[in-house]
C-alpha cells in the first residue's frame, strides 16, 4: 500500500516504525521531525516489557531508520504546521500520511492535498480528547484505538478502523501501553489495505464525550486497576 509516515523522536514513533519493519511493511515516504533533544534513558524493567510488546523503547527512531538503511527526509523542528514541511508534502505528495505528532493540524496543512491518518487511543465517538485510554480502563476495564482521517475537529474525522485491547498487566501505560495499542492498530490498517478500500465511516460530531488530561488521582486508579 502506498503511504507516507511523519515520525517524531518519541515512543509512539519508535513503536510505529519498529512494528512496521518487523511486519515487512515499508512506508514509501519517511519524514523525521527531529529537534535533536537528548534521548531519555530507561530502566532494564521497562526496556524488557517494551520488547515483550513488540518494540524496543531504548532504540531511537533515527537509529532504527539508519540500521535498516531506510531513506528518509529529516527536518530540524517538530512542528506539523511548519511551512518547510508543508512545501515538502506538496512536492512529494502521497494521498495518505501516518501522523504521529507535532501539534494540531491547522487549515493550511489540512488543505495541502494530503490526508492524515491519526491513531487515537480511544473508541470514538465515546472517547474523544486526551488520555482516553486511562478513562476507558477505569470505566470499561479495557481500551481501544480509533484510526481516522484528521479534520478540523477534535477526533471527529471519518473512521477507518477500530480495535479494542485488554488492559495491560504493568504500570507503564504512557511509555509502553499507549504506543503498543496504537502501533498494533497501524499494522492492521496497512496489512489489511484499509486505506485503499476506503470503507470509512462518518462520525456524528454531536455524539460521545470529550475528555481532558486525566487528574493524577484518576491516573493512579487506572494504573492500580492494571497491576492488581
N, C-alpha and C. Protein backbone atom coordinates (compact mmCIF):
# COMPACT_ATOMS: atom_id res chain seq x y z
N UNK A 1 0.84 -1.19 0.00
CA UNK A 1 0.00 0.00 0.00
C UNK A 1 0.88 1.24 0.00
N UNK A 2 0.51 2.21 -0.77
CA UNK A 2 1.30 3.42 -0.95
C UNK A 2 0.93 4.43 0.14
N UNK A 3 1.88 4.75 1.04
CA UNK A 3 1.61 5.72 2.10
C UNK A 3 2.93 6.28 2.61
N UNK A 4 2.84 7.42 3.28
CA UNK A 4 3.99 8.01 3.94
C UNK A 4 3.76 8.07 5.43
N UNK A 5 4.83 8.36 6.16
CA UNK A 5 4.72 8.48 7.61
C UNK A 5 5.58 9.65 8.07
N UNK A 6 5.06 10.39 9.05
CA UNK A 6 5.79 11.51 9.64
C UNK A 6 6.13 11.11 11.07
N UNK A 7 7.41 10.90 11.33
CA UNK A 7 7.88 10.43 12.62
C UNK A 7 8.43 11.58 13.46
N UNK A 8 8.37 11.39 14.78
CA UNK A 8 8.98 12.32 15.72
C UNK A 8 9.79 11.48 16.72
N UNK A 9 10.72 12.07 17.46
CA UNK A 9 11.60 11.27 18.35
C UNK A 9 10.93 10.92 19.67
N UNK A 10 9.87 10.11 19.60
CA UNK A 10 9.17 9.73 20.82
C UNK A 10 8.84 8.24 20.79
N UNK A 11 8.27 7.75 21.87
CA UNK A 11 8.00 6.32 21.99
C UNK A 11 6.95 5.85 20.99
N UNK A 12 6.01 6.71 20.68
CA UNK A 12 4.99 6.34 19.70
C UNK A 12 5.62 6.05 18.35
N UNK A 13 6.49 6.94 17.91
CA UNK A 13 7.15 6.74 16.62
C UNK A 13 8.08 5.53 16.64
N UNK A 14 8.74 5.31 17.79
CA UNK A 14 9.58 4.12 17.92
C UNK A 14 8.76 2.86 17.66
N UNK A 15 7.60 2.78 18.30
CA UNK A 15 6.75 1.61 18.13
C UNK A 15 6.23 1.51 16.70
N UNK A 16 5.82 2.64 16.12
CA UNK A 16 5.27 2.62 14.76
C UNK A 16 6.27 2.06 13.76
N UNK A 17 7.46 2.63 13.74
CA UNK A 17 8.41 2.23 12.70
C UNK A 17 8.95 0.83 12.97
N UNK A 18 9.19 0.49 14.22
CA UNK A 18 9.70 -0.85 14.51
C UNK A 18 8.66 -1.92 14.20
N UNK A 19 7.40 -1.67 14.52
CA UNK A 19 6.34 -2.66 14.24
C UNK A 19 6.13 -2.80 12.74
N UNK A 20 6.17 -1.71 12.01
CA UNK A 20 6.01 -1.79 10.56
C UNK A 20 7.14 -2.63 9.94
N UNK A 21 8.36 -2.35 10.35
CA UNK A 21 9.50 -3.07 9.79
C UNK A 21 9.46 -4.55 10.15
N UNK A 22 9.09 -4.86 11.39
CA UNK A 22 9.03 -6.27 11.78
C UNK A 22 7.93 -7.02 11.03
N UNK A 23 6.95 -6.27 10.51
CA UNK A 23 5.89 -6.87 9.68
C UNK A 23 6.21 -6.79 8.20
N UNK A 24 7.45 -6.38 7.88
CA UNK A 24 7.92 -6.25 6.49
C UNK A 24 7.07 -5.24 5.70
N UNK A 25 6.72 -4.16 6.38
CA UNK A 25 5.98 -3.07 5.77
C UNK A 25 6.90 -1.86 5.73
N UNK A 26 7.04 -1.26 4.54
CA UNK A 26 7.98 -0.17 4.35
C UNK A 26 7.24 1.05 3.78
N UNK A 27 7.14 2.14 4.55
CA UNK A 27 6.50 3.34 4.02
C UNK A 27 7.22 3.85 2.78
N UNK A 28 6.46 4.41 1.86
CA UNK A 28 7.05 4.93 0.62
C UNK A 28 7.81 6.23 0.85
N UNK A 29 7.32 7.04 1.77
CA UNK A 29 7.99 8.28 2.14
C UNK A 29 8.09 8.33 3.66
N UNK A 30 9.28 8.60 4.16
CA UNK A 30 9.50 8.72 5.60
C UNK A 30 10.02 10.12 5.89
N UNK A 31 9.31 10.84 6.75
CA UNK A 31 9.71 12.17 7.19
C UNK A 31 10.01 12.08 8.69
N UNK A 32 11.13 12.63 9.09
CA UNK A 32 11.53 12.60 10.50
C UNK A 32 11.66 14.03 11.01
N UNK A 33 10.74 14.45 11.88
CA UNK A 33 10.81 15.75 12.53
C UNK A 33 11.63 15.58 13.80
N UNK A 34 12.80 16.22 13.84
CA UNK A 34 13.77 15.92 14.90
C UNK A 34 14.42 17.19 15.41
N UNK A 35 14.14 17.53 16.66
CA UNK A 35 14.78 18.72 17.25
C UNK A 35 16.05 18.38 18.02
N UNK A 36 16.49 17.11 17.91
CA UNK A 36 17.79 16.66 18.45
C UNK A 36 17.93 16.85 19.95
N UNK A 37 16.84 16.70 20.68
CA UNK A 37 16.94 16.71 22.14
C UNK A 37 17.59 15.40 22.60
N UNK A 38 18.29 15.43 23.73
CA UNK A 38 18.92 14.19 24.24
C UNK A 38 17.88 13.09 24.45
N UNK A 39 18.27 11.87 24.11
CA UNK A 39 17.37 10.73 24.28
C UNK A 39 17.20 10.42 25.77
N UNK A 40 15.99 10.06 26.15
CA UNK A 40 15.71 9.66 27.52
C UNK A 40 16.25 8.25 27.75
N UNK A 41 16.75 7.99 28.95
CA UNK A 41 17.22 6.64 29.29
C UNK A 41 16.13 5.91 30.08
N UNK A 42 16.14 4.57 29.97
CA UNK A 42 15.10 3.77 30.61
C UNK A 42 15.70 2.64 31.42
N UNK A 43 14.95 2.19 32.41
CA UNK A 43 15.40 1.09 33.25
C UNK A 43 15.34 -0.22 32.48
N UNK A 44 16.05 -1.22 32.97
CA UNK A 44 16.01 -2.54 32.36
C UNK A 44 14.60 -3.12 32.39
N UNK A 45 13.86 -2.80 33.44
CA UNK A 45 12.49 -3.32 33.56
C UNK A 45 11.60 -2.84 32.42
N UNK A 46 11.61 -1.54 32.17
CA UNK A 46 10.73 -1.00 31.14
C UNK A 46 11.20 -1.43 29.74
N UNK A 47 12.50 -1.54 29.55
CA UNK A 47 13.02 -2.00 28.25
C UNK A 47 12.54 -3.42 27.98
N UNK A 48 12.62 -4.28 28.98
CA UNK A 48 12.21 -5.67 28.80
C UNK A 48 10.71 -5.77 28.51
N UNK A 49 9.90 -4.98 29.20
CA UNK A 49 8.46 -5.01 28.96
C UNK A 49 8.14 -4.47 27.57
N UNK A 50 8.85 -3.44 27.13
CA UNK A 50 8.61 -2.91 25.78
C UNK A 50 8.92 -3.97 24.73
N UNK A 51 9.99 -4.71 24.93
CA UNK A 51 10.36 -5.75 23.97
C UNK A 51 9.30 -6.84 23.93
N UNK A 52 8.70 -7.16 25.08
CA UNK A 52 7.62 -8.15 25.10
C UNK A 52 6.40 -7.64 24.35
N UNK A 53 6.31 -6.31 24.21
CA UNK A 53 5.19 -5.70 23.48
C UNK A 53 5.56 -5.34 22.05
N UNK A 54 6.68 -5.86 21.57
CA UNK A 54 6.99 -5.78 20.16
C UNK A 54 7.85 -4.62 19.69
N UNK A 55 8.37 -3.82 20.62
CA UNK A 55 9.28 -2.75 20.22
C UNK A 55 10.28 -2.51 21.33
N UNK A 56 11.38 -1.88 20.97
CA UNK A 56 12.45 -1.61 21.93
C UNK A 56 12.46 -0.12 22.24
N UNK A 57 12.02 0.23 23.45
CA UNK A 57 11.89 1.63 23.82
C UNK A 57 13.24 2.32 23.93
N UNK A 58 14.33 1.54 24.07
CA UNK A 58 15.66 2.13 24.22
C UNK A 58 16.31 2.46 22.88
N UNK A 59 15.71 2.05 21.78
CA UNK A 59 16.29 2.30 20.46
C UNK A 59 15.64 3.53 19.83
N UNK A 60 16.44 4.51 19.49
CA UNK A 60 15.91 5.75 18.94
C UNK A 60 15.33 5.55 17.55
N UNK A 61 14.46 6.45 17.16
CA UNK A 61 13.89 6.41 15.81
C UNK A 61 14.99 6.51 14.77
N UNK A 62 15.91 7.43 14.99
CA UNK A 62 16.97 7.64 13.99
C UNK A 62 17.84 6.40 13.84
N UNK A 63 18.18 5.74 14.94
CA UNK A 63 18.98 4.52 14.85
C UNK A 63 18.24 3.43 14.09
N UNK A 64 16.94 3.31 14.33
CA UNK A 64 16.15 2.32 13.60
C UNK A 64 16.16 2.61 12.10
N UNK A 65 15.99 3.86 11.75
CA UNK A 65 16.00 4.23 10.32
C UNK A 65 17.35 3.93 9.68
N UNK A 66 18.41 4.30 10.37
CA UNK A 66 19.75 4.12 9.82
C UNK A 66 20.16 2.65 9.77
N UNK A 67 19.85 1.91 10.81
CA UNK A 67 20.24 0.50 10.84
C UNK A 67 19.55 -0.32 9.76
N UNK A 68 18.37 0.13 9.34
CA UNK A 68 17.64 -0.57 8.29
C UNK A 68 17.83 0.04 6.91
N UNK A 69 18.80 0.99 6.82
CA UNK A 69 19.16 1.61 5.54
C UNK A 69 17.95 2.22 4.84
N UNK A 70 17.09 2.86 5.63
CA UNK A 70 15.90 3.47 5.07
C UNK A 70 16.19 4.90 4.61
N UNK A 71 15.61 5.27 3.52
CA UNK A 71 15.75 6.63 3.00
C UNK A 71 14.69 7.50 3.68
N UNK A 72 15.12 8.61 4.26
CA UNK A 72 14.18 9.49 4.93
C UNK A 72 14.63 10.94 4.80
N UNK A 73 13.69 11.84 4.96
CA UNK A 73 13.96 13.27 4.96
C UNK A 73 13.83 13.80 6.38
N UNK A 74 14.87 14.46 6.85
CA UNK A 74 14.89 14.92 8.24
C UNK A 74 14.79 16.44 8.29
N UNK A 75 13.93 16.93 9.18
CA UNK A 75 13.81 18.35 9.45
C UNK A 75 14.24 18.62 10.89
N UNK A 76 14.80 19.80 11.15
CA UNK A 76 15.34 20.10 12.48
C UNK A 76 14.31 20.80 13.36
N UNK A 77 13.05 20.44 13.24
CA UNK A 77 11.99 21.02 14.05
C UNK A 77 10.92 19.95 14.26
N UNK A 78 10.09 20.18 15.28
CA UNK A 78 8.91 19.33 15.49
C UNK A 78 7.70 20.25 15.47
N UNK A 79 7.20 20.46 14.28
CA UNK A 79 6.06 21.37 14.07
C UNK A 79 5.33 20.91 12.81
N UNK A 80 4.20 20.28 13.00
CA UNK A 80 3.46 19.73 11.86
C UNK A 80 2.98 20.81 10.90
N UNK A 81 2.91 22.05 11.38
CA UNK A 81 2.42 23.15 10.53
C UNK A 81 3.54 24.01 9.94
N UNK A 82 4.78 23.56 10.07
CA UNK A 82 5.91 24.35 9.58
C UNK A 82 5.84 24.49 8.05
N UNK A 83 6.08 25.68 7.52
CA UNK A 83 5.97 25.88 6.07
C UNK A 83 6.92 25.01 5.25
N UNK A 84 8.10 24.68 5.78
CA UNK A 84 9.02 23.80 5.05
C UNK A 84 8.44 22.40 4.89
N UNK A 85 7.77 21.92 5.92
CA UNK A 85 7.14 20.61 5.84
C UNK A 85 5.98 20.63 4.85
N UNK A 86 5.17 21.66 4.92
CA UNK A 86 4.03 21.77 4.00
C UNK A 86 4.51 21.82 2.56
N UNK A 87 5.57 22.57 2.30
CA UNK A 87 6.14 22.64 0.96
C UNK A 87 6.62 21.27 0.49
N UNK A 88 7.28 20.53 1.38
CA UNK A 88 7.76 19.19 1.03
C UNK A 88 6.59 18.27 0.70
N UNK A 89 5.53 18.32 1.51
CA UNK A 89 4.38 17.45 1.28
C UNK A 89 3.72 17.74 -0.06
N UNK A 90 3.66 19.00 -0.42
CA UNK A 90 3.05 19.36 -1.70
C UNK A 90 3.88 18.88 -2.89
N UNK A 91 5.20 18.86 -2.72
CA UNK A 91 6.08 18.42 -3.80
C UNK A 91 6.18 16.89 -3.88
N UNK A 92 6.04 16.23 -2.74
CA UNK A 92 6.19 14.77 -2.69
C UNK A 92 4.89 14.16 -2.20
N UNK A 93 3.85 14.46 -2.91
CA UNK A 93 2.51 14.15 -2.44
C UNK A 93 2.21 12.66 -2.46
N UNK A 94 1.77 12.19 -1.32
CA UNK A 94 1.15 10.88 -1.18
C UNK A 94 -0.27 11.14 -0.70
N UNK A 95 -1.17 10.27 -1.03
CA UNK A 95 -2.55 10.52 -0.61
C UNK A 95 -2.69 10.45 0.91
N UNK A 96 -1.96 9.51 1.53
CA UNK A 96 -2.08 9.31 2.96
C UNK A 96 -0.72 9.40 3.66
N UNK A 97 -0.71 10.08 4.79
CA UNK A 97 0.44 10.10 5.68
C UNK A 97 -0.01 9.70 7.08
N UNK A 98 0.77 8.84 7.73
CA UNK A 98 0.50 8.48 9.11
C UNK A 98 1.04 9.60 9.99
N UNK A 99 0.20 10.14 10.84
CA UNK A 99 0.54 11.24 11.74
C UNK A 99 0.96 10.65 13.09
N UNK A 100 2.08 11.10 13.61
CA UNK A 100 2.50 10.64 14.93
C UNK A 100 2.53 11.76 15.97
N UNK A 101 2.57 12.99 15.55
CA UNK A 101 2.61 14.10 16.49
C UNK A 101 3.19 15.35 15.84
N UNK A 102 3.36 16.38 16.66
CA UNK A 102 3.91 17.63 16.15
C UNK A 102 2.95 18.79 16.22
N UNK A 103 1.85 18.59 16.94
CA UNK A 103 0.92 19.69 17.12
C UNK A 103 -0.44 19.42 16.47
N UNK A 104 -1.32 20.41 16.57
CA UNK A 104 -2.66 20.34 15.99
C UNK A 104 -2.61 20.84 14.56
N UNK A 105 -3.16 20.08 13.64
CA UNK A 105 -3.13 20.47 12.24
C UNK A 105 -3.99 21.71 12.00
N UNK A 106 -3.39 22.72 11.36
CA UNK A 106 -4.11 23.94 11.03
C UNK A 106 -4.60 23.87 9.59
N UNK A 107 -5.35 24.89 9.19
CA UNK A 107 -6.04 24.85 7.90
C UNK A 107 -5.09 24.66 6.72
N UNK A 108 -3.92 25.30 6.76
CA UNK A 108 -3.03 25.23 5.60
C UNK A 108 -2.58 23.81 5.32
N UNK A 109 -2.19 23.08 6.34
CA UNK A 109 -1.73 21.72 6.09
C UNK A 109 -2.91 20.78 5.84
N UNK A 110 -4.06 21.05 6.46
CA UNK A 110 -5.24 20.24 6.18
C UNK A 110 -5.69 20.39 4.73
N UNK A 111 -5.39 21.53 4.14
CA UNK A 111 -5.78 21.80 2.76
C UNK A 111 -4.63 21.63 1.77
N UNK A 112 -3.60 20.89 2.17
CA UNK A 112 -2.42 20.71 1.32
C UNK A 112 -2.58 19.61 0.28
N UNK A 113 -3.71 18.90 0.30
CA UNK A 113 -3.92 17.81 -0.64
C UNK A 113 -3.55 16.46 -0.08
N UNK A 114 -3.15 16.43 1.19
CA UNK A 114 -2.75 15.19 1.85
C UNK A 114 -3.79 14.83 2.90
N UNK A 115 -4.05 13.53 3.05
CA UNK A 115 -4.93 13.03 4.12
C UNK A 115 -4.06 12.45 5.23
N UNK A 116 -4.31 12.90 6.44
CA UNK A 116 -3.52 12.45 7.59
C UNK A 116 -4.30 11.44 8.41
N UNK A 117 -3.65 10.33 8.71
CA UNK A 117 -4.26 9.26 9.49
C UNK A 117 -3.75 9.34 10.92
N UNK A 118 -4.68 9.47 11.84
CA UNK A 118 -4.33 9.52 13.26
C UNK A 118 -4.82 8.27 13.94
N UNK A 119 -4.01 7.73 14.84
CA UNK A 119 -4.38 6.57 15.64
C UNK A 119 -4.63 7.06 17.06
N UNK A 120 -5.89 7.23 17.37
CA UNK A 120 -6.32 7.85 18.62
C UNK A 120 -6.61 6.78 19.66
N UNK A 121 -6.03 6.88 20.88
CA UNK A 121 -6.19 5.83 21.89
C UNK A 121 -7.53 5.92 22.63
N UNK A 122 -8.60 5.82 21.87
CA UNK A 122 -9.94 5.82 22.43
C UNK A 122 -10.92 5.45 21.33
N UNK A 123 -12.00 4.78 21.69
CA UNK A 123 -13.03 4.43 20.72
C UNK A 123 -13.96 5.62 20.56
N UNK A 124 -13.86 6.29 19.42
CA UNK A 124 -14.73 7.43 19.17
C UNK A 124 -16.07 6.92 18.62
N UNK A 125 -17.16 7.68 18.81
CA UNK A 125 -17.21 9.00 19.46
C UNK A 125 -17.26 8.96 20.98
N UNK A 126 -17.30 7.77 21.57
CA UNK A 126 -17.47 7.67 23.02
C UNK A 126 -16.33 8.33 23.78
N UNK A 127 -15.10 8.15 23.26
CA UNK A 127 -13.92 8.69 23.94
C UNK A 127 -13.14 9.58 22.97
N UNK A 128 -13.38 10.87 23.06
CA UNK A 128 -12.61 11.86 22.31
C UNK A 128 -11.77 12.67 23.29
N UNK A 129 -10.67 13.26 22.77
CA UNK A 129 -9.88 14.15 23.62
C UNK A 129 -8.58 13.52 24.07
N UNK A 130 -8.18 13.82 25.30
CA UNK A 130 -6.85 13.48 25.80
C UNK A 130 -6.88 12.32 26.80
N UNK A 131 -5.80 11.53 26.79
CA UNK A 131 -5.57 10.43 27.75
C UNK A 131 -6.79 9.51 27.87
N UNK A 132 -7.43 9.24 26.74
CA UNK A 132 -8.70 8.50 26.77
C UNK A 132 -8.54 7.06 27.24
N UNK A 133 -7.37 6.47 27.01
CA UNK A 133 -7.22 5.07 27.41
C UNK A 133 -7.27 4.91 28.93
N UNK A 134 -6.86 5.93 29.66
CA UNK A 134 -6.98 5.88 31.11
C UNK A 134 -8.45 5.84 31.52
N UNK A 135 -9.25 6.73 30.96
CA UNK A 135 -10.67 6.78 31.29
C UNK A 135 -11.36 5.47 30.90
N UNK A 136 -10.98 4.92 29.75
CA UNK A 136 -11.59 3.69 29.29
C UNK A 136 -11.25 2.51 30.21
N UNK A 137 -10.01 2.46 30.65
CA UNK A 137 -9.61 1.38 31.58
C UNK A 137 -10.41 1.49 32.88
N UNK A 138 -10.60 2.69 33.38
CA UNK A 138 -11.38 2.88 34.61
C UNK A 138 -12.84 2.51 34.38
N UNK A 139 -13.41 2.96 33.27
CA UNK A 139 -14.84 2.78 33.02
C UNK A 139 -15.20 1.39 32.50
N UNK A 140 -14.34 0.86 31.63
CA UNK A 140 -14.69 -0.36 30.90
C UNK A 140 -13.80 -1.56 31.24
N UNK A 141 -12.62 -1.30 31.79
CA UNK A 141 -11.69 -2.39 32.03
C UNK A 141 -10.86 -2.77 30.82
N UNK A 142 -10.97 -2.00 29.76
CA UNK A 142 -10.17 -2.20 28.55
C UNK A 142 -10.02 -0.85 27.85
N UNK A 143 -9.25 -0.84 26.76
CA UNK A 143 -9.09 0.39 25.99
C UNK A 143 -9.21 0.07 24.51
N UNK A 144 -9.31 1.10 23.71
CA UNK A 144 -9.43 0.90 22.27
C UNK A 144 -8.71 1.98 21.50
N UNK A 145 -8.54 1.73 20.21
CA UNK A 145 -7.91 2.70 19.32
C UNK A 145 -8.82 2.92 18.13
N UNK A 146 -8.95 4.17 17.73
CA UNK A 146 -9.67 4.54 16.52
C UNK A 146 -8.71 5.17 15.54
N UNK A 147 -8.65 4.62 14.35
CA UNK A 147 -7.90 5.24 13.26
C UNK A 147 -8.88 6.06 12.45
N UNK A 148 -8.55 7.32 12.22
CA UNK A 148 -9.46 8.16 11.44
C UNK A 148 -8.67 9.16 10.59
N UNK A 149 -9.37 9.71 9.60
CA UNK A 149 -8.80 10.77 8.76
C UNK A 149 -8.96 12.09 9.51
N UNK A 150 -7.89 12.79 9.73
CA UNK A 150 -7.94 14.01 10.53
C UNK A 150 -8.66 15.13 9.79
N UNK A 151 -9.46 15.88 10.55
CA UNK A 151 -10.12 17.06 10.02
C UNK A 151 -9.94 18.19 11.02
N UNK A 152 -10.71 19.26 10.85
CA UNK A 152 -10.52 20.43 11.72
C UNK A 152 -11.11 20.21 13.12
N UNK A 153 -11.88 19.17 13.33
CA UNK A 153 -12.47 18.91 14.62
C UNK A 153 -11.54 18.13 15.54
N UNK A 154 -11.99 17.90 16.78
CA UNK A 154 -11.21 17.15 17.76
C UNK A 154 -11.66 15.69 17.72
N UNK A 155 -10.87 14.87 17.02
CA UNK A 155 -11.14 13.43 16.92
C UNK A 155 -12.51 13.15 16.30
N UNK A 156 -12.84 13.92 15.27
CA UNK A 156 -14.16 13.81 14.65
C UNK A 156 -14.11 13.29 13.21
N UNK A 157 -12.92 12.95 12.71
CA UNK A 157 -12.78 12.57 11.31
C UNK A 157 -13.38 11.21 11.00
N UNK A 158 -13.47 10.92 9.69
CA UNK A 158 -14.05 9.66 9.23
C UNK A 158 -13.25 8.47 9.76
N UNK A 159 -13.96 7.49 10.32
CA UNK A 159 -13.33 6.34 10.96
C UNK A 159 -12.89 5.32 9.91
N UNK A 160 -11.62 4.92 10.00
CA UNK A 160 -11.07 3.89 9.13
C UNK A 160 -11.22 2.52 9.76
N UNK A 161 -10.94 2.45 11.07
CA UNK A 161 -10.83 1.15 11.73
C UNK A 161 -10.78 1.37 13.22
N UNK A 162 -11.36 0.43 13.99
CA UNK A 162 -11.30 0.47 15.45
C UNK A 162 -10.91 -0.90 15.99
N UNK A 163 -10.17 -0.88 17.10
CA UNK A 163 -9.70 -2.13 17.69
C UNK A 163 -9.65 -1.97 19.20
N UNK A 164 -10.04 -3.03 19.93
CA UNK A 164 -10.00 -3.00 21.39
C UNK A 164 -8.85 -3.85 21.91
N UNK A 165 -8.38 -3.52 23.11
CA UNK A 165 -7.25 -4.19 23.74
C UNK A 165 -7.54 -4.40 25.22
N UNK A 166 -7.11 -5.53 25.73
CA UNK A 166 -7.19 -5.75 27.17
C UNK A 166 -6.29 -4.76 27.89
N UNK A 167 -6.62 -4.45 29.12
CA UNK A 167 -5.76 -3.58 29.92
C UNK A 167 -4.43 -4.30 30.14
N UNK A 168 -3.34 -3.55 30.29
CA UNK A 168 -2.03 -4.18 30.48
C UNK A 168 -1.87 -4.74 31.88
N UNK A 169 -0.86 -5.56 32.05
CA UNK A 169 -0.53 -6.11 33.37
C UNK A 169 0.76 -5.47 33.91
N UNK A 170 0.96 -4.22 33.56
CA UNK A 170 2.11 -3.46 34.04
C UNK A 170 1.70 -2.01 34.25
N UNK A 171 2.62 -1.22 34.79
CA UNK A 171 2.30 0.15 35.18
C UNK A 171 2.72 1.20 34.15
N UNK A 172 3.35 0.78 33.06
CA UNK A 172 3.91 1.74 32.12
C UNK A 172 2.90 2.07 31.01
N UNK A 173 1.82 2.70 31.40
CA UNK A 173 0.75 2.95 30.45
C UNK A 173 1.13 4.00 29.41
N UNK A 174 1.77 5.07 29.83
CA UNK A 174 2.19 6.10 28.89
C UNK A 174 3.33 5.63 28.01
N UNK A 175 4.32 5.02 28.62
CA UNK A 175 5.55 4.70 27.91
C UNK A 175 5.40 3.50 26.97
N UNK A 176 4.61 2.49 27.37
CA UNK A 176 4.54 1.25 26.60
C UNK A 176 3.14 0.95 26.08
N UNK A 177 2.13 0.97 26.95
CA UNK A 177 0.79 0.55 26.54
C UNK A 177 0.23 1.43 25.43
N UNK A 178 0.33 2.73 25.59
CA UNK A 178 -0.18 3.66 24.58
C UNK A 178 0.49 3.45 23.21
N UNK A 179 1.84 3.44 23.12
CA UNK A 179 2.46 3.14 21.83
C UNK A 179 2.12 1.74 21.30
N UNK A 180 1.98 0.78 22.22
CA UNK A 180 1.68 -0.59 21.81
C UNK A 180 0.33 -0.69 21.11
N UNK A 181 -0.73 -0.15 21.72
CA UNK A 181 -2.05 -0.31 21.12
C UNK A 181 -2.16 0.49 19.82
N UNK A 182 -1.52 1.62 19.76
CA UNK A 182 -1.57 2.41 18.52
C UNK A 182 -0.82 1.69 17.39
N UNK A 183 0.37 1.19 17.69
CA UNK A 183 1.18 0.55 16.65
C UNK A 183 0.56 -0.74 16.16
N UNK A 184 -0.05 -1.50 17.05
CA UNK A 184 -0.74 -2.72 16.63
C UNK A 184 -1.89 -2.39 15.67
N UNK A 185 -2.60 -1.32 15.95
CA UNK A 185 -3.70 -0.89 15.09
C UNK A 185 -3.17 -0.43 13.73
N UNK A 186 -2.05 0.27 13.74
CA UNK A 186 -1.44 0.73 12.49
C UNK A 186 -1.08 -0.45 11.59
N UNK A 187 -0.48 -1.48 12.15
CA UNK A 187 -0.11 -2.65 11.35
C UNK A 187 -1.34 -3.30 10.73
N UNK A 188 -2.43 -3.36 11.49
CA UNK A 188 -3.68 -3.91 10.94
C UNK A 188 -4.15 -3.10 9.73
N UNK A 189 -4.13 -1.78 9.87
CA UNK A 189 -4.62 -0.92 8.79
C UNK A 189 -3.85 -1.14 7.50
N UNK A 190 -2.52 -1.17 7.63
CA UNK A 190 -1.68 -1.28 6.44
C UNK A 190 -1.73 -2.70 5.87
N UNK A 191 -1.62 -3.70 6.73
CA UNK A 191 -1.60 -5.07 6.25
C UNK A 191 -2.92 -5.49 5.62
N UNK A 192 -4.03 -4.89 6.08
CA UNK A 192 -5.34 -5.19 5.53
C UNK A 192 -5.75 -4.25 4.40
N UNK A 193 -4.84 -3.33 4.04
CA UNK A 193 -5.06 -2.43 2.91
C UNK A 193 -6.33 -1.58 3.09
N UNK A 194 -6.58 -1.16 4.31
CA UNK A 194 -7.83 -0.49 4.62
C UNK A 194 -7.92 0.92 4.05
N UNK A 195 -6.79 1.57 3.83
CA UNK A 195 -6.83 2.91 3.27
C UNK A 195 -7.28 2.88 1.81
N UNK A 196 -6.80 1.91 1.08
CA UNK A 196 -7.20 1.80 -0.32
C UNK A 196 -8.65 1.36 -0.47
N UNK A 197 -9.14 0.58 0.48
CA UNK A 197 -10.53 0.11 0.41
C UNK A 197 -11.51 1.24 0.68
N UNK A 198 -11.11 2.20 1.49
CA UNK A 198 -11.87 3.44 1.75
C UNK A 198 -13.30 3.18 2.21
N UNK A 199 -13.48 2.17 3.04
CA UNK A 199 -14.81 1.94 3.63
C UNK A 199 -14.91 2.72 4.94
N UNK A 200 -14.77 4.03 4.84
CA UNK A 200 -14.72 4.86 6.03
C UNK A 200 -16.12 5.17 6.54
N UNK A 201 -16.20 5.41 7.84
CA UNK A 201 -17.49 5.68 8.49
C UNK A 201 -17.48 7.10 9.06
N UNK A 202 -18.46 7.88 8.67
CA UNK A 202 -18.56 9.25 9.17
C UNK A 202 -19.01 9.26 10.63
N UNK A 203 -18.48 10.22 11.37
CA UNK A 203 -18.88 10.39 12.76
C UNK A 203 -19.92 11.50 12.87
N UNK A 204 -20.78 11.36 13.84
CA UNK A 204 -21.67 12.45 14.23
C UNK A 204 -20.94 13.26 15.30
N UNK A 205 -20.59 14.48 14.97
CA UNK A 205 -19.77 15.28 15.88
C UNK A 205 -20.49 15.60 17.20
N UNK A 206 -21.79 15.41 17.23
CA UNK A 206 -22.54 15.71 18.45
C UNK A 206 -22.63 14.50 19.39
N UNK A 207 -22.19 13.33 18.92
CA UNK A 207 -22.21 12.14 19.77
C UNK A 207 -20.97 12.09 20.65
N UNK A 208 -21.06 11.30 21.72
CA UNK A 208 -19.89 10.99 22.52
C UNK A 208 -19.50 12.05 23.53
N UNK A 209 -18.33 11.82 24.12
CA UNK A 209 -17.81 12.70 25.16
C UNK A 209 -16.40 13.16 24.78
N UNK A 210 -16.02 14.32 25.31
CA UNK A 210 -14.66 14.82 25.14
C UNK A 210 -13.98 14.85 26.51
N UNK A 211 -12.82 14.20 26.58
CA UNK A 211 -12.09 14.09 27.83
C UNK A 211 -10.86 14.99 27.81
N UNK A 212 -10.43 15.39 29.00
CA UNK A 212 -9.26 16.25 29.14
C UNK A 212 -8.18 15.51 29.93
N UNK A 213 -6.97 16.06 29.94
CA UNK A 213 -5.84 15.37 30.58
C UNK A 213 -6.24 14.89 31.97
N UNK A 214 -6.03 13.61 32.19
CA UNK A 214 -6.56 12.97 33.39
C UNK A 214 -5.87 13.48 34.66
N UNK A 215 -6.66 13.61 35.71
CA UNK A 215 -6.15 14.03 37.01
C UNK A 215 -5.22 12.95 37.56
N UNK A 216 -4.13 13.34 38.25
CA UNK A 216 -3.19 12.35 38.78
C UNK A 216 -3.83 11.27 39.65
N UNK A 217 -4.86 11.63 40.40
CA UNK A 217 -5.53 10.63 41.25
C UNK A 217 -6.23 9.58 40.39
N UNK A 218 -6.96 10.03 39.37
CA UNK A 218 -7.62 9.09 38.46
C UNK A 218 -6.60 8.27 37.69
N UNK A 219 -5.51 8.90 37.31
CA UNK A 219 -4.44 8.17 36.61
C UNK A 219 -3.91 7.05 37.50
N UNK A 220 -3.70 7.34 38.76
CA UNK A 220 -3.22 6.33 39.71
C UNK A 220 -4.23 5.19 39.84
N UNK A 221 -5.51 5.53 39.86
CA UNK A 221 -6.55 4.49 39.96
C UNK A 221 -6.49 3.57 38.75
N UNK A 222 -6.29 4.14 37.56
CA UNK A 222 -6.19 3.32 36.35
C UNK A 222 -4.99 2.40 36.41
N UNK A 223 -3.86 2.91 36.88
CA UNK A 223 -2.65 2.07 37.00
C UNK A 223 -2.86 0.94 37.99
N UNK A 224 -3.45 1.26 39.14
CA UNK A 224 -3.74 0.23 40.14
C UNK A 224 -4.67 -0.83 39.55
N UNK A 225 -5.62 -0.39 38.75
CA UNK A 225 -6.55 -1.31 38.09
C UNK A 225 -5.80 -2.30 37.19
N UNK A 226 -4.67 -1.87 36.65
CA UNK A 226 -3.89 -2.74 35.75
C UNK A 226 -3.00 -3.72 36.49
N UNK A 227 -2.37 -3.27 37.57
CA UNK A 227 -1.34 -4.10 38.20
C UNK A 227 -1.88 -4.98 39.31
N UNK A 228 -3.14 -4.75 39.75
CA UNK A 228 -3.75 -5.58 40.81
C UNK A 228 -4.56 -6.72 40.20
